């Protein structure tokens, strides 16, 4: 059983707490690849619309091996630290500002830090928080930002609770987006 809880802000000495229950030992099982949740996500690589959703982005799904993601994208990954257990890779055909967190040999999350990538519901970096609330009102949890006193994390979950889509905001504006598998999608510092 996985669950998480937001408990205050860093200025209060509190942060994001991840609670793991029912876990024995330290082994991490590789979860199944997340299924697509929209038709655009499964188009051929040459015509893919790079939309972020609980499925991942384009043909890349959290839970895929790096080799599977490479095959799905059609080009080799730029992997500057291949020996690192947790690292970020990019692909030349993927929009600027998008990177993939690899843990071991598995894609665990997709980060969008810049650019014009939209979600499958039309949200993007630079949108006001009110737009995210409008688009995701049916399934949105708000948490205080760990570092920005005027920021929040706006989080939506997949029906099976295995993945999350996270919008980071500062001063009422989306500054970053990410999607991936728990617990890595909730790591505020990334591979930090």
Protein backbone atom coordinates (compact mmCIF):
# COMPACT_ATOMS: atom_id res chain seq x y z
CA UNK A 1 0.00 0.00 0.00
CA UNK A 2 1.42 3.37 -1.01
CA UNK A 3 0.15 6.69 0.29
CA UNK A 4 1.53 10.17 0.77
CA UNK A 5 0.74 13.15 2.88
CA UNK A 6 1.57 16.84 2.65
CA UNK A 7 2.30 18.33 6.04
CA UNK A 8 3.02 22.04 5.96
CA UNK A 9 5.79 24.04 4.38
CA UNK A 10 9.56 24.08 4.75
CA UNK A 11 9.36 27.38 6.65
CA UNK A 12 7.48 25.45 9.33
CA UNK A 13 10.13 22.73 9.23
CA UNK A 14 7.79 20.30 7.57
CA UNK A 15 7.72 18.97 4.02
CA UNK A 16 6.36 16.18 1.87
CA UNK A 17 6.15 12.86 3.67
CA UNK A 18 5.91 9.64 1.74
CA UNK A 19 4.44 6.80 3.75
CA UNK A 20 5.11 3.26 2.61
CA UNK A 21 3.05 0.52 4.16
CA UNK A 22 3.19 -3.20 3.66
CA UNK A 23 6.67 -3.13 2.13
CA UNK A 24 9.15 -5.78 3.19
CA UNK A 25 12.83 -5.34 2.41
CA UNK A 26 14.33 -2.80 0.02
CA UNK A 27 13.69 -4.42 -3.34
CA UNK A 28 11.71 -2.35 -5.83
CA UNK A 29 9.54 -4.25 -8.27
CA UNK A 30 9.31 -2.92 -11.79
CA UNK A 31 5.65 -2.00 -12.35
CA UNK A 32 3.78 -2.65 -15.53
CA UNK A 33 3.97 0.01 -18.20
CA UNK A 34 1.11 2.46 -17.84
CA UNK A 35 -1.58 2.10 -20.50
CA UNK A 36 -2.40 4.99 -22.81
CA UNK A 37 -5.33 7.15 -21.74
CA UNK A 38 -5.87 8.99 -25.01
CA UNK A 39 -5.70 8.14 -28.71
CA UNK A 40 -3.14 10.84 -29.54
CA UNK A 41 -0.57 9.21 -27.28
CA UNK A 42 -0.31 6.06 -29.37
CA UNK A 43 0.22 7.59 -32.81
CA UNK A 44 3.33 6.65 -34.77
CA UNK A 45 6.49 8.45 -33.65
CA UNK A 46 6.70 10.47 -36.87
CA UNK A 47 3.28 12.04 -36.29
CA UNK A 48 3.05 11.86 -32.50
CA UNK A 49 1.57 14.77 -30.64
CA UNK A 50 3.80 15.27 -27.63
CA UNK A 51 1.07 15.59 -25.02
CA UNK A 52 1.63 14.88 -21.36
CA UNK A 53 -0.93 12.80 -19.52
CA UNK A 54 -1.19 10.11 -16.90
CA UNK A 55 -0.03 7.73 -19.68
CA UNK A 56 3.35 9.52 -20.08
CA UNK A 57 4.22 11.49 -23.20
CA UNK A 58 4.05 10.45 -26.84
CA UNK A 59 4.86 6.75 -27.06
CA UNK A 60 6.93 6.75 -23.84
CA UNK A 61 5.26 5.31 -20.76
CA UNK A 62 6.56 5.32 -17.19
CA UNK A 63 7.39 1.70 -16.39
CA UNK A 64 9.10 1.05 -19.76
CA UNK A 65 12.72 0.05 -19.81
CA UNK A 66 15.09 2.60 -21.34
CA UNK A 67 15.55 0.20 -24.27
CA UNK A 68 11.76 0.06 -24.81
CA UNK A 69 11.55 3.87 -24.66
CA UNK A 70 14.40 4.15 -27.18
CA UNK A 71 12.57 1.81 -29.55
CA UNK A 72 9.31 3.74 -29.06
CA UNK A 73 10.98 7.07 -29.82
CA UNK A 74 13.15 5.74 -32.65
CA UNK A 75 16.48 7.34 -31.66
CA UNK A 76 19.13 6.70 -29.03
CA UNK A 77 18.83 8.56 -25.74
CA UNK A 78 21.30 11.24 -24.74
CA UNK A 79 22.39 9.60 -21.48
CA UNK A 80 25.28 11.64 -20.03
CA UNK A 81 25.63 9.54 -16.84
CA UNK A 82 24.70 5.96 -17.83
CA UNK A 83 26.28 4.46 -14.72
CA UNK A 84 24.16 6.51 -12.28
CA UNK A 85 21.32 4.65 -10.60
CA UNK A 86 19.02 7.70 -10.97
CA UNK A 87 19.55 10.05 -13.90
CA UNK A 88 17.82 12.08 -16.59
CA UNK A 89 17.95 11.36 -20.31
CA UNK A 90 16.63 13.22 -23.35
CA UNK A 91 15.92 12.28 -26.94
CA UNK A 92 16.69 14.53 -29.92
CA UNK A 93 13.17 14.09 -31.36
CA UNK A 94 11.38 15.01 -28.13
CA UNK A 95 10.49 18.68 -27.54
CA UNK A 96 13.01 20.90 -25.76
CA UNK A 97 12.41 21.06 -22.03
CA UNK A 98 11.29 17.42 -21.70
CA UNK A 99 13.48 14.90 -19.88
CA UNK A 100 12.97 11.37 -18.60
CA UNK A 101 13.97 10.16 -15.13
CA UNK A 102 15.59 6.74 -15.34
CA UNK A 103 15.99 4.68 -12.17
CA UNK A 104 18.04 1.57 -12.76
CA UNK A 105 16.95 0.81 -16.31
CA UNK A 106 13.33 1.99 -16.03
CA UNK A 107 11.59 5.21 -17.03
CA UNK A 108 10.01 6.37 -13.77
CA UNK A 109 8.85 9.86 -14.71
CA UNK A 110 8.69 12.55 -17.40
CA UNK A 111 9.62 16.13 -16.49
CA UNK A 112 8.57 19.20 -18.50
CA UNK A 113 10.56 22.23 -17.40
CA UNK A 114 10.18 24.51 -20.43
CA UNK A 115 8.63 24.72 -23.87
CA UNK A 116 5.18 24.45 -25.39
CA UNK A 117 4.21 20.90 -24.44
CA UNK A 118 0.58 20.65 -23.35
CA UNK A 119 -1.23 18.02 -21.34
CA UNK A 120 -3.93 15.91 -22.93
CA UNK A 121 -6.42 18.40 -21.41
CA UNK A 122 -4.60 21.47 -22.73
CA UNK A 123 -2.63 22.71 -19.69
CA UNK A 124 0.88 24.09 -20.18
CA UNK A 125 3.73 25.87 -18.42
CA UNK A 126 2.78 29.51 -17.94
CA UNK A 127 -0.91 28.79 -17.34
CA UNK A 128 -2.51 30.39 -14.30
CA UNK A 129 -3.36 28.07 -11.44
CA UNK A 130 -7.05 28.74 -12.10
CA UNK A 131 -6.72 27.03 -15.51
CA UNK A 132 -5.39 23.85 -13.86
CA UNK A 133 -8.19 23.96 -11.31
CA UNK A 134 -10.71 24.31 -14.15
CA UNK A 135 -9.25 21.45 -16.23
CA UNK A 136 -8.60 19.00 -13.38
CA UNK A 137 -11.20 20.02 -10.77
CA UNK A 138 -12.63 16.51 -10.65
CA UNK A 139 -9.43 14.93 -9.33
CA UNK A 140 -7.01 17.50 -7.94
CA UNK A 141 -5.16 17.65 -4.65
CA UNK A 142 -3.36 20.80 -3.52
CA UNK A 143 -0.16 20.77 -1.45
CA UNK A 144 2.15 23.59 -0.36
CA UNK A 145 5.36 23.97 -2.40
CA UNK A 146 8.46 22.78 -0.57
CA UNK A 147 10.63 25.76 -1.57
CA UNK A 148 8.39 28.55 -2.93
CA UNK A 149 6.27 30.22 -0.22
CA UNK A 150 3.82 31.43 -2.90
CA UNK A 151 3.72 28.07 -4.71
CA UNK A 152 1.82 24.82 -4.67
CA UNK A 153 1.84 21.32 -6.09
CA UNK A 154 -1.42 20.51 -7.86
CA UNK A 155 -1.63 16.74 -8.16
CA UNK A 156 -4.00 14.42 -10.01
CA UNK A 157 -3.89 10.61 -9.78
CA UNK A 158 -4.55 7.74 -12.13
CA UNK A 159 -7.60 5.59 -11.26
CA UNK A 160 -5.29 2.83 -9.97
CA UNK A 161 -3.20 5.38 -7.97
CA UNK A 162 0.06 4.09 -9.50
CA UNK A 163 0.84 7.36 -11.24
CA UNK A 164 0.46 11.07 -10.66
CA UNK A 165 0.46 14.20 -12.81
CA UNK A 166 2.03 17.07 -10.86
CA UNK A 167 1.86 20.77 -11.68
CA UNK A 168 4.30 23.01 -9.79
CA UNK A 169 3.19 26.60 -9.39
CA UNK A 170 4.78 29.80 -8.13
CA UNK A 171 2.92 33.11 -7.84
CA UNK A 172 -0.24 31.48 -9.26
CA UNK A 173 1.57 30.30 -12.46
CA UNK A 174 2.55 26.79 -13.61
CA UNK A 175 6.36 26.60 -13.71
CA UNK A 176 6.88 22.84 -14.22
CA UNK A 177 4.90 19.67 -14.92
CA UNK A 178 5.75 16.03 -14.43
CA UNK A 179 4.08 12.65 -14.67
CA UNK A 180 5.26 9.30 -13.45
CA UNK A 181 5.09 6.43 -11.06
CA UNK A 182 4.95 6.69 -7.29
CA UNK A 183 7.19 7.34 -5.43
CA UNK A 184 9.59 9.01 -7.91
CA UNK A 185 7.00 11.41 -9.34
CA UNK A 186 6.67 12.89 -5.84
CA UNK A 187 10.42 13.43 -5.38
CA UNK A 188 10.66 17.21 -5.21
CA UNK A 189 14.42 17.28 -5.93
CA UNK A 190 14.26 14.75 -8.76
CA UNK A 191 17.33 12.52 -8.70
CA UNK A 192 18.92 15.05 -6.30
